[in-house]
Amino acid sequence: MELGEDVTNAVLDDWRTAPIDERLRATLGFLEKLTLDPDGLTPEDADVARRAGASDAALEDAVHVAAAFNIIDRVADAVGFEVVSRERFFAGARTLLSRGYQ
C-alpha cells in the first residue's frame, strides 16, 4: 500500500474516514486509545485490531513507534523546540544533500 501526500493529509485530517486499509485504521484506533486513555486500554482493543487484520507484530511495532514519538514530542515541548517552515526544511535538506553533515 502506497501512502501519497493526499492520503497522508487525509489521515492527518481524520484517520477514521481516510482512504486507508482497515488494518491501518484499526491500528491507529488502538494507538489513539493507548495515547489518550492508556488506563482504559484492554485486550479487547487489541482484538479489534486483530480482527481487522493487524498482526501482533504490527501492533507491537506501532506501539514502539508511538512510544518513541511521544517521548520525542514531550522532550521537544519541554525545551521549546519549534518546527521550521516547509521552505526552511527544504532549504536545509538541499544544503545537507549538497554538503553533507560537517
C-alpha atoms as a PDB file:
ATOM      1  CA  MET A   1       0.000   0.000   0.000  1.00  0.00           C
ATOM      2  CA  GLU A   2       1.484   3.325  -1.042  1.00  0.00           C
ATOM      3  CA  LEU A   3       0.635   6.364   1.046  1.00  0.00           C
ATOM      4  CA  GLY A   4       0.991   9.508  -1.028  1.00  0.00           C
ATOM      5  CA  GLU A   5       0.699  13.084   0.174  1.00  0.00           C
ATOM      6  CA  ASP A   6      -3.076  13.177  -0.426  1.00  0.00           C
ATOM      7  CA  VAL A   7      -3.644  10.073   1.689  1.00  0.00           C
ATOM      8  CA  THR A   8      -1.278  11.339   4.374  1.00  0.00           C
ATOM      9  CA  ASN A   9      -3.192  14.610   4.579  1.00  0.00           C
ATOM     10  CA  ALA A  10      -6.494  12.716   4.718  1.00  0.00           C
ATOM     11  CA  VAL A  11      -5.185  10.629   7.638  1.00  0.00           C
ATOM     12  CA  LEU A  12      -3.996  13.746   9.437  1.00  0.00           C
ATOM     13  CA  ASP A  13      -7.406  15.357   8.871  1.00  0.00           C
ATOM     14  CA  ASP A  14      -9.366  12.303  10.106  1.00  0.00           C
ATOM     15  CA  TRP A  15      -7.962   8.779  10.137  1.00  0.00           C
ATOM     16  CA  ARG A  16     -11.467   7.391  10.635  1.00  0.00           C
ATOM     17  CA  THR A  17     -12.598   8.490   7.152  1.00  0.00           C
ATOM     18  CA  ALA A  18      -9.271   8.490   5.271  1.00  0.00           C
ATOM     19  CA  PRO A  19      -8.930   6.092   2.311  1.00  0.00           C
ATOM     20  CA  ILE A  20      -6.653   3.606   4.091  1.00  0.00           C
ATOM     21  CA  ASP A  21      -6.560  -0.133   4.664  1.00  0.00           C
ATOM     22  CA  GLU A  22      -8.729  -1.346   7.542  1.00  0.00           C
ATOM     23  CA  ARG A  23      -5.694  -2.848   9.277  1.00  0.00           C
ATOM     24  CA  LEU A  24      -4.082   0.575   9.437  1.00  0.00           C
ATOM     25  CA  ARG A  25      -7.327   2.236  10.525  1.00  0.00           C
ATOM     26  CA  ALA A  26      -7.732  -0.268  13.378  1.00  0.00           C
ATOM     27  CA  THR A  27      -4.097   0.148  14.399  1.00  0.00           C
ATOM     28  CA  LEU A  28      -4.499   3.926  14.508  1.00  0.00           C
ATOM     29  CA  GLY A  29      -7.588   3.496  16.683  1.00  0.00           C
ATOM     30  CA  PHE A  30      -5.597   1.253  19.011  1.00  0.00           C
ATOM     31  CA  LEU A  31      -2.792   3.834  19.187  1.00  0.00           C
ATOM     32  CA  GLU A  32      -5.214   6.666  19.823  1.00  0.00           C
ATOM     33  CA  LYS A  33      -6.650   4.873  22.836  1.00  0.00           C
ATOM     34  CA  LEU A  34      -3.164   3.908  24.035  1.00  0.00           C
ATOM     35  CA  THR A  35      -2.117   7.570  23.865  1.00  0.00           C
ATOM     36  CA  LEU A  36      -5.254   9.300  25.152  1.00  0.00           C
ATOM     37  CA  ASP A  37      -6.684   6.684  27.545  1.00  0.00           C
ATOM     38  CA  PRO A  38      -3.923   4.229  28.498  1.00  0.00           C
ATOM     39  CA  ASP A  39      -5.726   3.160  31.669  1.00  0.00           C
ATOM     40  CA  GLY A  40      -8.776   2.233  29.597  1.00  0.00           C
ATOM     41  CA  LEU A  41      -6.860   0.078  27.111  1.00  0.00           C
ATOM     42  CA  THR A  42      -7.879  -3.588  27.319  1.00  0.00           C
ATOM     43  CA  PRO A  43      -7.089  -6.812  25.474  1.00  0.00           C
ATOM     44  CA  GLU A  44     -10.347  -6.262  23.561  1.00  0.00           C
ATOM     45  CA  ASP A  45      -8.798  -3.166  21.953  1.00  0.00           C
ATOM     46  CA  ALA A  46      -6.002  -5.316  20.531  1.00  0.00           C
ATOM     47  CA  ASP A  47      -8.567  -7.932  19.487  1.00  0.00           C
ATOM     48  CA  VAL A  48     -10.463  -5.303  17.473  1.00  0.00           C
ATOM     49  CA  ALA A  49      -7.262  -4.511  15.559  1.00  0.00           C
ATOM     50  CA  ARG A  50      -6.509  -8.215  15.103  1.00  0.00           C
ATOM     51  CA  ARG A  51      -9.997  -8.850  13.689  1.00  0.00           C
ATOM     52  CA  ALA A  52      -9.331  -6.067  11.181  1.00  0.00           C
ATOM     53  CA  GLY A  53      -6.233  -7.967  10.088  1.00  0.00           C
ATOM     54  CA  ALA A  54      -3.464  -6.324  12.126  1.00  0.00           C
ATOM     55  CA  SER A  55      -0.877  -8.831  13.311  1.00  0.00           C
ATOM     56  CA  ASP A  56       0.601  -8.921  16.787  1.00  0.00           C
ATOM     57  CA  ALA A  57       3.950  -7.952  15.274  1.00  0.00           C
ATOM     58  CA  ALA A  58       2.372  -4.929  13.546  1.00  0.00           C
ATOM     59  CA  LEU A  59       0.708  -3.816  16.770  1.00  0.00           C
ATOM     60  CA  GLU A  60       3.971  -4.215  18.680  1.00  0.00           C
ATOM     61  CA  ASP A  61       5.853  -2.198  16.052  1.00  0.00           C
ATOM     62  CA  ALA A  62       3.171   0.501  16.149  1.00  0.00           C
ATOM     63  CA  VAL A  63       3.404   0.712  19.955  1.00  0.00           C
ATOM     64  CA  HIS A  64       7.185   1.090  19.777  1.00  0.00           C
ATOM     65  CA  VAL A  65       6.968   3.858  17.170  1.00  0.00           C
ATOM     66  CA  ALA A  66       4.237   5.659  19.128  1.00  0.00           C
ATOM     67  CA  ALA A  67       6.255   5.428  22.346  1.00  0.00           C
ATOM     68  CA  ALA A  68       9.350   6.876  20.677  1.00  0.00           C
ATOM     69  CA  PHE A  69       7.307   9.657  19.059  1.00  0.00           C
ATOM     70  CA  ASN A  70       5.578  10.535  22.332  1.00  0.00           C
ATOM     71  CA  ILE A  71       8.894  10.753  24.194  1.00  0.00           C
ATOM     72  CA  ILE A  72      10.460  12.927  21.490  1.00  0.00           C
ATOM     73  CA  ASP A  73       7.336  15.127  21.375  1.00  0.00           C
ATOM     74  CA  ARG A  74       7.377  15.691  25.132  1.00  0.00           C
ATOM     75  CA  VAL A  75      11.104  16.493  25.186  1.00  0.00           C
ATOM     76  CA  ALA A  76      10.656  18.901  22.259  1.00  0.00           C
ATOM     77  CA  ASP A  77       7.826  20.627  24.137  1.00  0.00           C
ATOM     78  CA  ALA A  78       9.918  20.795  27.318  1.00  0.00           C
ATOM     79  CA  VAL A  79      12.843  22.520  25.602  1.00  0.00           C
ATOM     80  CA  GLY A  80      10.696  24.794  23.428  1.00  0.00           C
ATOM     81  CA  PHE A  81      11.640  23.231  20.103  1.00  0.00           C
ATOM     82  CA  GLU A  82       9.847  24.817  17.153  1.00  0.00           C
ATOM     83  CA  VAL A  83       9.298  23.202  13.771  1.00  0.00           C
ATOM     84  CA  VAL A  84      10.729  25.226  10.914  1.00  0.00           C
ATOM     85  CA  SER A  85       8.609  26.242   7.939  1.00  0.00           C
ATOM     86  CA  ARG A  86       8.320  23.917   4.955  1.00  0.00           C
ATOM     87  CA  GLU A  87      10.547  26.277   2.943  1.00  0.00           C
ATOM     88  CA  ARG A  88      13.299  26.268   5.602  1.00  0.00           C
ATOM     89  CA  PHE A  89      13.043  22.485   5.901  1.00  0.00           C
ATOM     90  CA  PHE A  90      13.619  22.018   2.168  1.00  0.00           C
ATOM     91  CA  ALA A  91      16.411  24.619   2.127  1.00  0.00           C
ATOM     92  CA  GLY A  92      18.151  22.745   4.931  1.00  0.00           C
ATOM     93  CA  ALA A  93      17.629  19.434   3.140  1.00  0.00           C
ATOM     94  CA  ARG A  94      19.192  20.832  -0.039  1.00  0.00           C
ATOM     95  CA  THR A  95      22.191  22.027   1.976  1.00  0.00           C
ATOM     96  CA  LEU A  96      22.661  18.652   3.634  1.00  0.00           C
ATOM     97  CA  LEU A  97      22.317  16.852   0.305  1.00  0.00           C
ATOM     98  CA  SER A  98      24.969  19.038  -1.318  1.00  0.00           C
ATOM     99  CA  ARG A  99      27.423  19.392   1.604  1.00  0.00           C
ATOM    100  CA  GLY A 100      26.567  16.587   3.997  1.00  0.00           C
ATOM    101  CA  TYR A 101      26.914  16.878   7.773  1.00  0.00           C
ATOM    102  CA  GLN A 102      30.068  18.875   8.573  1.00  0.00           C
END
